[in-house]
C-alpha atoms as a PDB file:
ATOM      1  CA  MET A   1    -233.657 -56.308  96.038  1.00  0.00           C
ATOM      2  CA  THR A   2    -234.616 -54.953  92.636  1.00  0.00           C
ATOM      3  CA  SER A   3    -237.934 -55.167  90.883  1.00  0.00           C
ATOM      4  CA  SER A   4    -238.817 -54.743  87.233  1.00  0.00           C
ATOM      5  CA  PHE A   5    -239.980 -51.220  88.096  1.00  0.00           C
ATOM      6  CA  SER A   6    -236.896 -50.089  89.993  1.00  0.00           C
ATOM      7  CA  GLY A   7    -235.088 -48.574  87.025  1.00  0.00           C
ATOM      8  CA  GLN A   8    -231.821 -50.262  88.037  1.00  0.00           C
ATOM      9  CA  ASN A   9    -230.098 -52.040  85.196  1.00  0.00           C
ATOM     10  CA  ARG A  10    -228.284 -55.333  85.321  1.00  0.00           C
ATOM     11  CA  PRO A  11    -224.831 -55.569  83.729  1.00  0.00           C
ATOM     12  CA  GLY A  12    -224.918 -57.002  80.217  1.00  0.00           C
ATOM     13  CA  MET A  13    -228.643 -56.313  79.825  1.00  0.00           C
ATOM     14  CA  PRO A  14    -230.277 -53.469  77.888  1.00  0.00           C
ATOM     15  CA  PRO A  15    -231.747 -50.698  80.061  1.00  0.00           C
ATOM     16  CA  ARG A  16    -235.331 -51.258  81.196  1.00  0.00           C
ATOM     17  CA  LEU A  17    -236.312 -47.607  80.888  1.00  0.00           C
ATOM     18  CA  PRO A  18    -235.657 -45.303  77.939  1.00  0.00           C
ATOM     19  CA  THR A  19    -232.047 -44.205  78.389  1.00  0.00           C
ATOM     20  CA  PRO A  20    -229.863 -42.088  76.107  1.00  0.00           C
ATOM     21  CA  PRO A  21    -227.049 -44.140  74.562  1.00  0.00           C
ATOM     22  CA  THR A  22    -223.550 -43.871  75.961  1.00  0.00           C
ATOM     23  CA  GLY A  23    -220.161 -44.405  74.395  1.00  0.00           C
ATOM     24  CA  TRP A  24    -217.814 -42.892  71.904  1.00  0.00           C
ATOM     25  CA  PRO A  25    -218.592 -42.809  68.176  1.00  0.00           C
ATOM     26  CA  ILE A  26    -216.475 -45.285  66.239  1.00  0.00           C
ATOM     27  CA  GLY A  27    -218.334 -45.107  62.925  1.00  0.00           C
ATOM     28  CA  SER A  28    -221.171 -43.333  61.119  1.00  0.00           C
ATOM     29  CA  TYR A  29    -223.173 -44.790  58.227  1.00  0.00           C
ATOM     30  CA  GLY A  30    -225.843 -43.639  55.822  1.00  0.00           C
ATOM     31  CA  THR A  31    -227.986 -46.776  56.099  1.00  0.00           C
ATOM     32  CA  TYR A  32    -228.871 -49.249  58.803  1.00  0.00           C
ATOM     33  CA  GLU A  33    -227.546 -52.047  56.585  1.00  0.00           C
ATOM     34  CA  GLU A  34    -224.087 -50.435  56.554  1.00  0.00           C
ATOM     35  CA  ALA A  35    -224.097 -49.996  60.347  1.00  0.00           C
ATOM     36  CA  GLN A  36    -225.183 -53.626  60.754  1.00  0.00           C
ATOM     37  CA  ARG A  37    -222.390 -54.709  58.404  1.00  0.00           C
ATOM     38  CA  ALA A  38    -219.888 -52.763  60.535  1.00  0.00           C
ATOM     39  CA  VAL A  39    -221.021 -54.424  63.766  1.00  0.00           C
ATOM     40  CA  ASP A  40    -220.954 -57.812  62.061  1.00  0.00           C
ATOM     41  CA  PHE A  41    -217.377 -57.076  60.948  1.00  0.00           C
ATOM     42  CA  LEU A  42    -216.488 -56.223  64.553  1.00  0.00           C
ATOM     43  CA  ALA A  43    -218.046 -59.486  65.748  1.00  0.00           C
ATOM     44  CA  ASP A  44    -216.041 -61.432  63.147  1.00  0.00           C
ATOM     45  CA  GLY A  45    -212.899 -59.773  64.549  1.00  0.00           C
ATOM     46  CA  ASP A  46    -213.618 -61.077  68.075  1.00  0.00           C
ATOM     47  CA  PHE A  47    -214.531 -57.584  69.237  1.00  0.00           C
ATOM     48  CA  PRO A  48    -216.715 -57.335  72.386  1.00  0.00           C
ATOM     49  CA  VAL A  49    -219.876 -56.320  70.506  1.00  0.00           C
ATOM     50  CA  GLN A  50    -221.886 -56.224  73.730  1.00  0.00           C
ATOM     51  CA  GLU A  51    -220.187 -52.831  74.230  1.00  0.00           C
ATOM     52  CA  VAL A  52    -221.545 -51.508  70.913  1.00  0.00           C
ATOM     53  CA  THR A  53    -224.755 -49.593  70.238  1.00  0.00           C
ATOM     54  CA  ILE A  54    -226.267 -48.588  66.895  1.00  0.00           C
ATOM     55  CA  VAL A  55    -228.004 -45.223  67.195  1.00  0.00           C
ATOM     56  CA  GLY A  56    -230.339 -43.817  64.564  1.00  0.00           C
ATOM     57  CA  VAL A  57    -229.893 -40.039  64.352  1.00  0.00           C
ATOM     58  CA  ASP A  58    -232.226 -37.493  62.714  1.00  0.00           C
ATOM     59  CA  LEU A  59    -235.285 -39.725  62.900  1.00  0.00           C
ATOM     60  CA  MET A  60    -238.127 -39.292  60.460  1.00  0.00           C
ATOM     61  CA  LEU A  61    -241.426 -41.038  59.861  1.00  0.00           C
ATOM     62  CA  VAL A  62    -241.724 -42.075  56.220  1.00  0.00           C
ATOM     63  CA  GLU A  63    -245.179 -42.972  54.934  1.00  0.00           C
ATOM     64  CA  ARG A  64    -245.124 -44.713  51.568  1.00  0.00           C
ATOM     65  CA  VAL A  65    -248.399 -44.711  49.661  1.00  0.00           C
ATOM     66  CA  THR A  66    -249.115 -48.217  48.408  1.00  0.00           C
ATOM     67  CA  GLY A  67    -252.396 -47.751  46.583  1.00  0.00           C
ATOM     68  CA  ARG A  68    -255.701 -45.974  46.160  1.00  0.00           C
ATOM     69  CA  LEU A  69    -258.671 -46.932  48.299  1.00  0.00           C
ATOM     70  CA  THR A  70    -261.993 -47.571  46.577  1.00  0.00           C
ATOM     71  CA  TRP A  71    -265.253 -48.941  47.933  1.00  0.00           C
ATOM     72  CA  GLY A  72    -264.563 -52.221  46.125  1.00  0.00           C
ATOM     73  CA  ARG A  73    -261.110 -52.607  47.672  1.00  0.00           C
ATOM     74  CA  VAL A  74    -262.354 -51.648  51.157  1.00  0.00           C
ATOM     75  CA  LEU A  75    -265.306 -54.047  51.054  1.00  0.00           C
ATOM     76  CA  GLY A  76    -263.208 -56.839  49.548  1.00  0.00           C
ATOM     77  CA  THR A  77    -260.575 -56.504  52.260  1.00  0.00           C
ATOM     78  CA  GLY A  78    -263.257 -56.329  54.966  1.00  0.00           C
ATOM     79  CA  ALA A  79    -264.992 -59.441  53.617  1.00  0.00           C
ATOM     80  CA  ALA A  80    -261.714 -61.365  53.432  1.00  0.00           C
ATOM     81  CA  SER A  81    -260.711 -60.347  56.952  1.00  0.00           C
ATOM     82  CA  GLY A  82    -264.142 -61.247  58.304  1.00  0.00           C
ATOM     83  CA  ALA A  83    -264.087 -64.567  56.433  1.00  0.00           C
ATOM     84  CA  TRP A  84    -260.824 -65.603  58.086  1.00  0.00           C
ATOM     85  CA  PHE A  85    -262.084 -64.706  61.549  1.00  0.00           C
ATOM     86  CA  GLY A  86    -265.458 -66.345  60.913  1.00  0.00           C
ATOM     87  CA  LEU A  87    -263.766 -69.493  59.605  1.00  0.00           C
ATOM     88  CA  PHE A  88    -261.597 -69.620  62.740  1.00  0.00           C
ATOM     89  CA  VAL A  89    -264.625 -69.270  65.045  1.00  0.00           C
ATOM     90  CA  GLY A  90    -266.579 -71.804  62.990  1.00  0.00           C
ATOM     91  CA  VAL A  91    -263.789 -74.388  63.211  1.00  0.00           C
ATOM     92  CA  LEU A  92    -263.555 -73.864  66.968  1.00  0.00           C
ATOM     93  CA  LEU A  93    -267.309 -74.306  67.341  1.00  0.00           C
ATOM     94  CA  SER A  94    -267.278 -77.440  65.189  1.00  0.00           C
ATOM     95  CA  LEU A  95    -264.619 -78.986  67.438  1.00  0.00           C
ATOM     96  CA  PHE A  96    -267.011 -78.769  70.391  1.00  0.00           C
ATOM     97  CA  ASN A  97    -270.086 -79.849  68.414  1.00  0.00           C
ATOM     98  CA  THR A  98    -271.427 -83.146  69.801  1.00  0.00           C
ATOM     99  CA  SER A  99    -274.034 -83.750  67.086  1.00  0.00           C
ATOM    100  CA  PRO A 100    -272.878 -86.436  64.648  1.00  0.00           C
ATOM    101  CA  GLY A 101    -272.683 -85.342  61.011  1.00  0.00           C
ATOM    102  CA  ALA A 102    -273.279 -81.640  61.760  1.00  0.00           C
ATOM    103  CA  SER A 103    -269.663 -80.495  61.885  1.00  0.00           C
ATOM    104  CA  LEU A 104    -269.918 -78.436  58.691  1.00  0.00           C
ATOM    105  CA  GLY A 105    -272.823 -76.257  59.926  1.00  0.00           C
ATOM    106  CA  PRO A 106    -270.847 -74.154  62.452  1.00  0.00           C
ATOM    107  CA  ILE A 107    -268.052 -73.630  59.928  1.00  0.00           C
ATOM    108  CA  VAL A 108    -270.423 -72.312  57.261  1.00  0.00           C
ATOM    109  CA  ALA A 109    -272.328 -70.182  59.791  1.00  0.00           C
ATOM    110  CA  GLY A 110    -269.111 -68.707  61.146  1.00  0.00           C
ATOM    111  CA  LEU A 111    -267.901 -67.951  57.628  1.00  0.00           C
ATOM    112  CA  VAL A 112    -271.144 -66.205  56.605  1.00  0.00           C
ATOM    113  CA  VAL A 113    -271.432 -64.195  59.835  1.00  0.00           C
ATOM    114  CA  GLY A 114    -267.730 -63.284  59.653  1.00  0.00           C
ATOM    115  CA  ILE A 115    -268.072 -61.981  56.100  1.00  0.00           C
ATOM    116  CA  ALA A 116    -271.162 -59.953  57.067  1.00  0.00           C
ATOM    117  CA  PHE A 117    -269.471 -58.354  60.078  1.00  0.00           C
ATOM    118  CA  GLY A 118    -266.277 -57.750  58.093  1.00  0.00           C
ATOM    119  CA  LEU A 119    -268.269 -55.925  55.403  1.00  0.00           C
ATOM    120  CA  ILE A 120    -270.174 -53.843  57.967  1.00  0.00           C
ATOM    121  CA  PHE A 121    -267.095 -52.807  59.963  1.00  0.00           C
ATOM    122  CA  ALA A 122    -265.105 -51.978  56.810  1.00  0.00           C
ATOM    123  CA  ALA A 123    -267.957 -49.900  55.371  1.00  0.00           C
ATOM    124  CA  VAL A 124    -268.511 -47.991  58.612  1.00  0.00           C
ATOM    125  CA  GLY A 125    -264.780 -47.336  59.037  1.00  0.00           C
ATOM    126  CA  TYR A 126    -264.261 -46.140  55.469  1.00  0.00           C
ATOM    127  CA  SER A 127    -267.397 -43.988  55.367  1.00  0.00           C
ATOM    128  CA  SER A 128    -266.370 -42.274  58.616  1.00  0.00           C
ATOM    129  CA  THR A 129    -263.279 -40.810  56.867  1.00  0.00           C
ATOM    130  CA  ARG A 130    -265.554 -38.981  54.382  1.00  0.00           C
ATOM    131  CA  GLY A 131    -263.014 -39.281  51.567  1.00  0.00           C
ATOM    132  CA  LYS A 132    -260.184 -37.571  53.475  1.00  0.00           C
ATOM    133  CA  ARG A 133    -257.910 -40.593  53.291  1.00  0.00           C
ATOM    134  CA  ASP A 134    -258.555 -42.458  50.055  1.00  0.00           C
ATOM    135  CA  PHE A 135    -255.214 -44.256  50.006  1.00  0.00           C
ATOM    136  CA  GLN A 136    -253.357 -47.100  51.673  1.00  0.00           C
ATOM    137  CA  SER A 137    -249.892 -46.605  53.073  1.00  0.00           C
ATOM    138  CA  ALA A 138    -247.125 -48.228  55.075  1.00  0.00           C
ATOM    139  CA  SER A 139    -245.147 -46.256  57.656  1.00  0.00           C
ATOM    140  CA  GLN A 140    -241.524 -46.696  58.689  1.00  0.00           C
ATOM    141  CA  LEU A 141    -239.334 -44.940  61.206  1.00  0.00           C
ATOM    142  CA  VAL A 142    -235.964 -44.270  59.543  1.00  0.00           C
ATOM    143  CA  ALA A 143    -232.882 -42.279  60.438  1.00  0.00           C
ATOM    144  CA  GLY A 144    -230.805 -39.825  58.446  1.00  0.00           C
ATOM    145  CA  ARG A 145    -227.675 -41.634  59.618  1.00  0.00           C
ATOM    146  CA  TYR A 146    -226.689 -44.464  61.933  1.00  0.00           C
ATOM    147  CA  ASP A 147    -223.863 -43.977  64.412  1.00  0.00           C
ATOM    148  CA  VAL A 148    -222.028 -46.904  65.973  1.00  0.00           C
ATOM    149  CA  LEU A 149    -221.056 -46.122  69.562  1.00  0.00           C
ATOM    150  CA  CYS A 150    -218.710 -48.111  71.773  1.00  0.00           C
ATOM    151  CA  GLN A 151    -217.724 -47.999  75.413  1.00  0.00           C
ATOM    152  CA  PRO A 152    -214.518 -45.964  75.874  1.00  0.00           C
ATOM    153  CA  ARG A 153    -212.357 -48.909  76.966  1.00  0.00           C
ATOM    154  CA  SER A 154    -212.701 -50.547  73.524  1.00  0.00           C
ATOM    155  CA  ALA A 155    -213.352 -47.550  71.279  1.00  0.00           C
ATOM    156  CA  GLU A 156    -209.826 -47.222  69.886  1.00  0.00           C
ATOM    157  CA  ARG A 157    -209.697 -50.880  68.846  1.00  0.00           C
ATOM    158  CA  GLY A 158    -213.189 -50.581  67.343  1.00  0.00           C
ATOM    159  CA  ARG A 159    -212.178 -47.531  65.282  1.00  0.00           C
ATOM    160  CA  ASP A 160    -209.099 -49.373  64.029  1.00  0.00           C
ATOM    161  CA  LEU A 161    -211.154 -52.397  62.944  1.00  0.00           C
ATOM    162  CA  LEU A 162    -213.769 -50.228  61.227  1.00  0.00           C
ATOM    163  CA  ALA A 163    -210.991 -48.342  59.400  1.00  0.00           C
ATOM    164  CA  LYS A 164    -209.917 -51.698  57.929  1.00  0.00           C
ATOM    165  CA  LEU A 165    -213.521 -52.337  56.877  1.00  0.00           C
ATOM    166  CA  ALA A 166    -213.672 -48.940  55.150  1.00  0.00           C
ATOM    167  CA  LEU A 167    -210.578 -49.848  53.107  1.00  0.00           C
ATOM    168  CA  ARG A 168    -212.193 -53.031  51.784  1.00  0.00           C
ATOM    169  CA  PRO A 169    -214.207 -52.884  48.560  1.00  0.00           C
ATOM    170  CA  SER A 170    -217.927 -52.927  49.388  1.00  0.00           C
ATOM    171  CA  ASP A 171    -218.699 -55.748  46.918  1.00  0.00           C
ATOM    172  CA  VAL A 172    -216.421 -58.253  48.689  1.00  0.00           C
ATOM    173  CA  LYS A 173    -218.476 -61.017  50.274  1.00  0.00           C
ATOM    174  CA  LYS A 174    -217.245 -62.645  53.465  1.00  0.00           C
ATOM    175  CA  ASP A 175    -216.583 -66.373  53.454  1.00  0.00           C
END
């Protein structure tokens, strides 16, 4: 009997615990999109893609700066976030309100309280950084290259198919 904590893997299912990938390399690509295109090409060729793994190699965290933070932007974002949450709570409270004609009161109260709390939390959070992070950013985990691995029993056929893909012009769209 196996449990979800046993570490044993079921055939055809991804491993439950972090496990290094296995298989032989059948292709290497500069972008994830190219590796995905290769696996899609294999699938179109009736290749057993369940034996294929895409592995990102030379991982790096890329943080792209999206804008400058100012008190106005921080407070505006905090107020908007608080308004949405307050509106949600107010609507929920109005659904359970038994007083006739007073269904708008909880919505307005929730909105006002939500904006106030959103402003307070945003101001406290931003002031705690003391100007050391006056920018917004978005982070991504990307790889230097993407290798396509395949189980040994199908690797030769996979390499042959991907060689055909490499010979095709890259601007050709599939039907």
